[in-house]
Amino acid sequence: MQAAARTPLGVSPVDLLWIGLYVVGGAALLVVLASTLFYLYLRYRYIDNVVRIFEEKPLFIIPRGQPTPDAEEVRLPAFDGLNLCGCYWRTTAPQRKGVILFGLEFGSNRWSAAPYCEFLRQAGFDIFTFEPRCQGDSDRLPGYEPLQWVTAFEVRDFESALNYLRGRPDADPRGVGLFGLSKGGGAGLLAAARAPYVRCFVTDGIFATHTTMVPYMRKWIAIYNKRLRVQRLLPTFVYSLIARDAVRRIQRKRHCHFPHLERLIARLAPRPLLMIHGGGDTYIKPEMARDLFDRARAPKEFWLVEGAKHNQAFHLATDEYQRRVLTFFLTHLADEAGAAPATGEVAPADGRSQRVSPSVSSTN
């Protein structure tokens, strides 16, 4: 009987293989254990700071408009019985080409939509906007204080606004377009992801919770952690885990839910999206907007307005801004030849599903 081969150390190759596997497995276990302990340390050390900074409101000028005599004042019911205030501007053109729902930025009133939309009214579009709960003249929800981050409350309020538009005697059976700024744009997209009644989307300065938090957390933690070399070695998923833990804690504290636009933005397709962002935005950096845009599916277009601060692209490049937005809505909302019938559902405020007219699929 032939003896088994031996290594110079007198150990068989099979035994050597098993020893190697044990060494590698042990090393991997130590890495996982060390990573877990380090994550738990970071979570314990910094999560309170992350929560505190998340809840801080940014310092910026909130636009306030003045009432216009040609607007139809509207009070519409939200899903939970609160009343939301809005206004409806009819087009000043001889013939209506479509209806656009305008999403307000955080803290502004319904009249602030007028400067952004007057050129659209002149071109043939009706405009409707509303103030979400706890904003402007809309009812307040006891115990809820909105932040600049989108919560499920604002999304449900947008669903109520869509149901209102669908129920108007002069409703457009083909559907509506969405034009939204910052928080209003993000909340509108989240509602539209489940509402094919919204046919196309223009947003300016939108952001999502997770893809905004994680890049900022590297800066937040750097304020409190002087071990910069260690911090640079941390993989993104570690920050992601801490961010999710922080959001869950804030949700319990504030009794609300922060939906993930990152997960739903792909559902907008094949409806077209025009995403505008300021190249000089110091709140939502252009790379954050790009990250979110990359998650959307075609047809889509990204326009970066060089030098524009947050929500200032319209004021910095007014003529080009109006040209691009108008061309988009004329192409994707006013094209009656492309309005083919289909079916879909929107969840209304009373909780019962209703049939809606189809969305229009367009390609760039």
Protein backbone atom coordinates (compact mmCIF):
# COMPACT_ATOMS: atom_id res chain seq x y z
CA MET A 1 0.00 0.00 0.00
CA GLN A 2 1.50 3.32 -1.16
CA ALA A 3 2.04 5.94 1.57
CA ALA A 4 0.26 9.31 1.20
CA ALA A 5 2.38 12.19 -0.08
CA ARG A 6 3.84 14.47 2.54
CA THR A 7 4.92 18.09 2.50
CA PRO A 8 8.41 19.06 3.77
CA LEU A 9 6.72 19.70 7.13
CA GLY A 10 5.46 16.13 7.27
CA VAL A 11 1.80 17.17 6.77
CA SER A 12 -0.32 15.73 3.98
CA PRO A 13 -1.68 18.13 1.33
CA VAL A 14 -5.24 17.42 2.47
CA ASP A 15 -4.39 18.33 6.06
CA LEU A 16 -2.56 21.42 4.83
CA LEU A 17 -5.66 22.46 2.87
CA TRP A 18 -7.83 22.12 5.95
CA ILE A 19 -5.37 24.13 8.02
CA GLY A 20 -5.43 26.86 5.38
CA LEU A 21 -9.21 26.92 5.37
CA TYR A 22 -9.28 27.21 9.16
CA VAL A 23 -6.76 30.08 9.07
CA VAL A 24 -8.65 31.96 6.32
CA GLY A 25 -12.00 31.34 8.01
CA GLY A 26 -10.65 32.50 11.34
CA ALA A 27 -9.20 35.64 9.81
CA ALA A 28 -12.51 36.38 8.03
CA LEU A 29 -14.38 35.86 11.29
CA LEU A 30 -12.05 38.27 13.05
CA VAL A 31 -12.59 40.87 10.31
CA VAL A 32 -16.37 40.52 10.56
CA LEU A 33 -16.24 40.71 14.35
CA ALA A 34 -13.96 43.74 14.30
CA SER A 35 -16.14 45.47 11.69
CA THR A 36 -19.27 44.78 13.73
CA LEU A 37 -17.70 46.10 16.91
CA PHE A 38 -16.42 49.18 15.08
CA TYR A 39 -19.86 49.83 13.56
CA LEU A 40 -21.48 49.49 16.99
CA TYR A 41 -18.92 51.92 18.41
CA LEU A 42 -19.57 54.47 15.65
CA ARG A 43 -23.31 54.06 16.07
CA TYR A 44 -23.07 54.58 19.82
CA ARG A 45 -20.65 57.48 19.48
CA TYR A 46 -22.22 59.49 16.67
CA ILE A 47 -25.87 58.58 16.09
CA ASP A 48 -27.15 61.27 18.48
CA ASN A 49 -25.23 63.89 16.50
CA VAL A 50 -26.60 62.55 13.20
CA VAL A 51 -30.16 62.71 14.55
CA ARG A 52 -29.67 66.25 15.83
CA ILE A 53 -28.21 67.54 12.55
CA PHE A 54 -30.92 65.76 10.52
CA GLU A 55 -33.58 67.66 12.45
CA GLU A 56 -31.99 71.08 11.97
CA LYS A 57 -33.78 73.31 9.48
CA PRO A 58 -31.56 74.98 6.85
CA LEU A 59 -31.25 78.74 6.77
CA PHE A 60 -32.68 80.02 3.51
CA ILE A 61 -35.20 82.59 2.35
CA ILE A 62 -38.66 81.06 1.93
CA PRO A 63 -40.60 82.65 -0.95
CA ARG A 64 -44.03 84.09 -0.15
CA GLY A 65 -46.44 85.15 -2.86
CA GLN A 66 -49.46 87.44 -2.74
CA PRO A 67 -53.03 86.38 -3.63
CA THR A 68 -54.06 86.91 -7.25
CA PRO A 69 -57.65 87.84 -8.14
CA ASP A 70 -57.88 85.40 -11.07
CA ALA A 71 -57.17 82.30 -8.93
CA GLU A 72 -59.91 79.91 -7.83
CA GLU A 73 -59.55 79.30 -4.10
CA VAL A 74 -59.77 75.61 -3.21
CA ARG A 75 -60.15 73.62 0.00
CA LEU A 76 -59.74 69.90 -0.50
CA PRO A 77 -59.95 67.03 2.00
CA ALA A 78 -56.84 65.07 2.90
CA PHE A 79 -56.92 61.32 3.48
CA ASP A 80 -57.41 61.74 7.23
CA GLY A 81 -60.01 64.51 7.19
CA LEU A 82 -57.75 67.57 7.37
CA ASN A 83 -58.47 70.39 4.93
CA LEU A 84 -55.75 71.52 2.55
CA CYS A 85 -55.72 74.96 0.90
CA GLY A 86 -54.94 75.37 -2.76
CA CYS A 87 -55.58 77.57 -5.77
CA TYR A 88 -56.41 76.82 -9.39
CA TRP A 89 -55.34 79.14 -12.20
CA ARG A 90 -57.01 78.67 -15.57
CA THR A 91 -55.00 79.29 -18.69
CA THR A 92 -55.16 82.72 -20.26
CA ALA A 93 -54.86 81.15 -23.73
CA PRO A 94 -57.96 80.55 -25.89
CA GLN A 95 -57.63 76.77 -25.59
CA ARG A 96 -56.40 74.58 -22.75
CA LYS A 97 -53.56 72.19 -23.60
CA GLY A 98 -53.22 70.43 -20.25
CA VAL A 99 -53.24 70.64 -16.46
CA ILE A 100 -50.12 70.88 -14.30
CA LEU A 101 -49.87 70.14 -10.58
CA PHE A 102 -47.22 72.37 -8.99
CA GLY A 103 -45.35 71.12 -5.90
CA LEU A 104 -44.31 73.90 -3.52
CA GLU A 105 -40.96 74.11 -1.81
CA PHE A 106 -40.76 73.67 1.95
CA GLY A 107 -42.42 76.47 3.92
CA SER A 108 -43.70 78.54 1.00
CA ASN A 109 -47.33 79.48 0.44
CA ARG A 110 -49.55 78.57 -2.51
CA TRP A 111 -49.24 82.02 -4.10
CA SER A 112 -45.48 81.59 -4.54
CA ALA A 113 -46.21 79.26 -7.50
CA ALA A 114 -47.44 82.15 -9.67
CA PRO A 115 -44.03 83.45 -10.92
CA TYR A 116 -42.93 79.92 -11.83
CA CYS A 117 -46.09 79.14 -13.77
CA GLU A 118 -47.34 82.32 -15.44
CA PHE A 119 -45.54 81.50 -18.71
CA LEU A 120 -47.19 78.06 -18.69
CA ARG A 121 -50.64 79.62 -18.22
CA GLN A 122 -50.03 81.92 -21.16
CA ALA A 123 -49.02 78.91 -23.26
CA GLY A 124 -52.26 77.02 -22.57
CA PHE A 125 -51.90 75.15 -19.29
CA ASP A 126 -54.10 75.24 -16.19
CA ILE A 127 -52.08 75.29 -12.94
CA PHE A 128 -53.09 73.85 -9.59
CA THR A 129 -51.07 74.01 -6.40
CA PHE A 130 -51.79 73.37 -2.75
CA GLU A 131 -50.22 73.71 0.68
CA PRO A 132 -49.53 70.40 2.46
CA ARG A 133 -50.58 70.00 6.07
CA CYS A 134 -48.89 72.33 8.56
CA GLN A 135 -47.91 74.69 5.74
CA GLY A 136 -49.54 77.97 4.78
CA ASP A 137 -53.27 78.05 5.53
CA SER A 138 -53.79 74.28 5.47
CA ASP A 139 -54.90 72.51 8.63
CA ARG A 140 -52.25 71.49 11.10
CA LEU A 141 -51.85 67.94 12.31
CA PRO A 142 -51.41 67.93 16.11
CA GLY A 143 -48.03 66.56 17.10
CA TYR A 144 -46.53 66.77 13.60
CA GLU A 145 -43.86 69.35 12.81
CA PRO A 146 -42.66 69.04 9.20
CA LEU A 147 -39.01 69.30 8.29
CA GLN A 148 -37.39 69.84 4.91
CA TRP A 149 -37.37 66.05 4.45
CA VAL A 150 -40.33 64.40 2.69
CA THR A 151 -42.55 62.22 4.87
CA ALA A 152 -45.46 59.95 4.02
CA PHE A 153 -47.83 62.73 5.15
CA GLU A 154 -46.79 64.99 2.26
CA VAL A 155 -46.97 62.09 -0.20
CA ARG A 156 -50.52 61.25 0.90
CA ASP A 157 -51.45 64.93 0.61
CA PHE A 158 -50.23 64.87 -2.99
CA GLU A 159 -52.39 61.81 -3.61
CA SER A 160 -55.35 63.78 -2.25
CA ALA A 161 -54.52 66.64 -4.64
CA LEU A 162 -54.43 64.22 -7.57
CA ASN A 163 -57.80 62.83 -6.60
CA TYR A 164 -59.16 66.36 -6.40
CA LEU A 165 -57.93 67.10 -9.94
CA ARG A 166 -59.45 63.86 -11.22
CA GLY A 167 -62.78 64.73 -9.64
CA ARG A 168 -63.14 68.27 -11.00
CA PRO A 169 -65.92 68.82 -13.56
CA ASP A 170 -63.26 70.22 -15.94
CA ALA A 171 -60.74 67.41 -15.26
CA ASP A 172 -58.46 66.41 -18.11
CA PRO A 173 -59.19 62.70 -18.74
CA ARG A 174 -55.73 62.19 -20.21
CA GLY A 175 -54.01 63.02 -16.92
CA VAL A 176 -51.82 65.82 -15.58
CA GLY A 177 -48.20 66.90 -15.50
CA LEU A 178 -46.08 67.49 -12.39
CA PHE A 179 -43.84 70.52 -11.87
CA GLY A 180 -42.22 70.53 -8.43
CA LEU A 181 -39.52 72.36 -6.49
CA SER A 182 -37.25 70.78 -3.88
CA LYS A 183 -39.37 69.00 -1.24
CA GLY A 184 -42.54 69.51 -3.28
CA GLY A 185 -40.94 67.89 -6.30
CA GLY A 186 -39.76 64.88 -4.31
CA ALA A 187 -43.13 64.36 -2.62
CA GLY A 188 -44.86 64.70 -5.99
CA LEU A 189 -42.63 62.06 -7.58
CA LEU A 190 -43.28 59.64 -4.72
CA ALA A 191 -47.04 60.05 -5.18
CA ALA A 192 -46.74 59.82 -8.96
CA ALA A 193 -44.78 56.56 -8.77
CA ARG A 194 -48.09 54.87 -7.89
CA ALA A 195 -50.33 57.16 -9.98
CA PRO A 196 -50.30 56.71 -13.76
CA TYR A 197 -52.65 59.70 -13.96
CA VAL A 198 -49.45 61.79 -13.80
CA ARG A 199 -48.06 61.69 -17.32
CA CYS A 200 -44.73 63.53 -17.07
CA PHE A 201 -42.50 65.28 -14.54
CA VAL A 202 -40.38 68.41 -14.25
CA THR A 203 -38.44 68.85 -11.00
CA ASP A 204 -36.04 71.48 -9.72
CA GLY A 205 -33.70 70.93 -6.77
CA ILE A 206 -35.20 67.63 -5.60
CA PHE A 207 -33.42 65.29 -3.20
CA ALA A 208 -33.93 61.96 -1.50
CA THR A 209 -33.32 61.16 2.15
CA HIS A 210 -30.71 58.43 1.99
CA THR A 211 -28.57 59.68 -0.91
CA THR A 212 -28.42 63.10 0.76
CA MET A 213 -27.67 61.87 4.27
CA VAL A 214 -24.81 59.46 3.55
CA PRO A 215 -22.46 61.93 1.77
CA TYR A 216 -23.10 64.52 4.47
CA MET A 217 -22.43 62.02 7.25
CA ARG A 218 -18.78 61.83 6.26
CA LYS A 219 -18.57 65.57 6.97
CA TRP A 220 -20.73 65.39 10.09
CA ILE A 221 -18.65 62.64 11.67
CA ALA A 222 -15.42 64.41 10.69
CA ILE A 223 -16.46 67.29 12.95
CA TYR A 224 -16.41 64.98 15.98
CA ASN A 225 -13.86 62.38 14.91
CA LYS A 226 -10.21 63.42 14.54
CA ARG A 227 -9.06 60.03 13.25
CA LEU A 228 -9.44 61.07 9.62
CA ARG A 229 -7.37 58.19 8.22
CA VAL A 230 -9.65 55.65 9.82
CA GLN A 231 -12.69 57.55 8.64
CA ARG A 232 -11.51 57.55 5.02
CA LEU A 233 -11.13 53.76 5.12
CA LEU A 234 -14.73 53.22 6.22
CA PRO A 235 -16.84 51.75 3.40
CA THR A 236 -20.02 53.55 2.39
CA PHE A 237 -22.24 50.77 3.69
CA VAL A 238 -21.14 51.55 7.27
CA TYR A 239 -22.41 55.11 6.93
CA SER A 240 -25.52 53.74 5.23
CA LEU A 241 -26.30 51.49 8.18
CA ILE A 242 -25.88 54.32 10.67
CA ALA A 243 -28.07 56.57 8.52
CA ARG A 244 -30.84 53.97 8.46
CA ASP A 245 -30.62 53.57 12.23
CA ALA A 246 -30.81 57.34 12.68
CA VAL A 247 -33.84 57.64 10.38
CA ARG A 248 -35.65 54.88 12.25
CA ARG A 249 -35.00 56.66 15.53
CA ILE A 250 -36.30 59.97 14.11
CA GLN A 251 -39.39 58.24 12.74
CA ARG A 252 -40.25 56.88 16.18
CA LYS A 253 -39.57 60.24 17.79
CA ARG A 254 -41.59 62.33 15.31
CA HIS A 255 -44.30 59.74 14.59
CA CYS A 256 -43.83 59.84 10.83
CA HIS A 257 -42.23 57.84 8.03
CA PHE A 258 -39.55 59.00 5.57
CA PRO A 259 -40.10 57.18 2.25
CA HIS A 260 -37.19 56.30 -0.03
CA LEU A 261 -37.40 58.10 -3.36
CA GLU A 262 -34.29 56.14 -4.38
CA ARG A 263 -36.38 52.95 -4.46
CA LEU A 264 -39.35 54.37 -6.35
CA ILE A 265 -37.90 56.79 -8.90
CA ALA A 266 -37.34 53.96 -11.40
CA ARG A 267 -41.11 53.30 -11.40
CA LEU A 268 -41.76 56.62 -13.13
CA ALA A 269 -40.66 55.18 -16.49
CA PRO A 270 -41.71 55.09 -19.26
CA ARG A 271 -43.15 58.49 -18.37
CA PRO A 272 -40.62 61.24 -19.19
CA LEU A 273 -38.65 63.14 -16.55
CA LEU A 274 -36.82 66.48 -16.77
CA MET A 275 -34.66 67.01 -13.69
CA ILE A 276 -33.21 70.51 -13.16
CA HIS A 277 -30.56 71.27 -10.57
CA GLY A 278 -28.36 74.18 -9.60
CA GLY A 279 -24.65 73.74 -10.23
CA GLY A 280 -23.89 75.98 -7.25
CA ASP A 281 -26.33 74.31 -4.86
CA THR A 282 -24.57 74.09 -1.50
CA TYR A 283 -27.42 72.21 0.20
CA ILE A 284 -28.02 69.44 -2.31
CA LYS A 285 -24.74 69.04 -4.13
CA PRO A 286 -24.89 68.32 -7.88
CA GLU A 287 -23.34 64.88 -7.34
CA MET A 288 -26.20 64.00 -4.98
CA ALA A 289 -28.72 65.00 -7.64
CA ARG A 290 -26.80 62.98 -10.24
CA ASP A 291 -26.87 59.92 -8.00
CA LEU A 292 -30.64 60.18 -7.75
CA PHE A 293 -31.03 60.88 -11.48
CA ASP A 294 -28.95 57.82 -12.36
CA ARG A 295 -31.49 55.64 -10.54
CA ALA A 296 -34.30 56.84 -12.82
CA ARG A 297 -34.99 55.10 -16.11
CA ALA A 298 -35.32 56.57 -19.59
CA PRO A 299 -36.78 58.70 -20.99
CA LYS A 300 -35.08 61.26 -18.80
CA GLU A 301 -33.04 64.46 -19.06
CA PHE A 302 -30.76 66.21 -16.58
CA TRP A 303 -30.10 69.94 -16.85
CA LEU A 304 -27.45 71.42 -14.53
CA VAL A 305 -27.68 75.21 -14.34
CA GLU A 306 -24.13 76.37 -13.69
CA GLY A 307 -23.75 78.73 -10.74
CA ALA A 308 -27.35 78.45 -9.55
CA LYS A 309 -27.94 78.03 -5.83
CA HIS A 310 -30.70 75.85 -4.37
CA ASN A 311 -34.03 76.65 -6.09
CA GLN A 312 -32.44 79.61 -7.90
CA ALA A 313 -32.08 78.17 -11.42
CA PHE A 314 -35.32 79.87 -12.53
CA HIS A 315 -34.03 83.29 -11.42
CA LEU A 316 -30.52 82.84 -12.84
CA ALA A 317 -31.46 81.44 -16.27
CA THR A 318 -35.07 82.57 -16.64
CA ASP A 319 -35.38 82.54 -20.43
CA GLU A 320 -33.70 79.16 -20.92
CA TYR A 321 -35.57 77.74 -17.94
CA GLN A 322 -38.93 78.76 -19.35
CA ARG A 323 -38.01 77.52 -22.83
CA ARG A 324 -36.98 74.07 -21.62
CA VAL A 325 -39.93 73.59 -19.26
CA LEU A 326 -42.48 74.80 -21.81
CA THR A 327 -41.01 72.64 -24.57
CA PHE A 328 -41.14 69.63 -22.26
CA PHE A 329 -44.81 70.07 -21.37
CA LEU A 330 -45.82 70.91 -24.96
CA THR A 331 -44.14 67.70 -26.08
CA HIS A 332 -45.28 65.32 -23.37
CA LEU A 333 -48.51 66.78 -21.99
CA ALA A 334 -50.14 68.75 -24.82
CA ASP A 335 -49.60 66.12 -27.53
CA GLU A 336 -53.17 64.90 -28.05
CA ALA A 337 -52.12 62.56 -30.84
CA GLY A 338 -50.08 60.54 -28.34
CA ALA A 339 -52.86 60.22 -25.76
CA ALA A 340 -53.76 56.56 -26.18
CA PRO A 341 -56.32 54.99 -23.81
CA ALA A 342 -55.17 52.63 -21.07
CA THR A 343 -56.10 51.89 -17.46
CA GLY A 344 -54.59 52.41 -14.02
CA GLU A 345 -55.45 53.05 -10.40
CA VAL A 346 -54.78 55.77 -7.89
CA ALA A 347 -55.38 55.27 -4.18
CA PRO A 348 -57.81 58.07 -3.23
CA ALA A 349 -58.13 59.80 0.09
CA ASP A 350 -61.03 57.60 1.18
CA GLY A 351 -58.98 54.43 0.71
CA ARG A 352 -61.04 52.97 -2.20
CA SER A 353 -59.30 52.44 -5.51
CA GLN A 354 -60.67 54.31 -8.53
CA ARG A 355 -60.12 53.79 -12.22
CA VAL A 356 -58.17 56.51 -13.94
CA SER A 357 -57.43 57.48 -17.47
CA PRO A 358 -54.13 56.30 -18.89
CA SER A 359 -50.73 57.85 -18.71
CA VAL A 360 -48.91 58.61 -21.93
CA SER A 361 -45.63 56.86 -22.62
CA SER A 362 -43.16 59.05 -24.48
CA THR A 363 -39.55 58.69 -25.48
CA ASN A 364 -36.90 61.31 -25.95
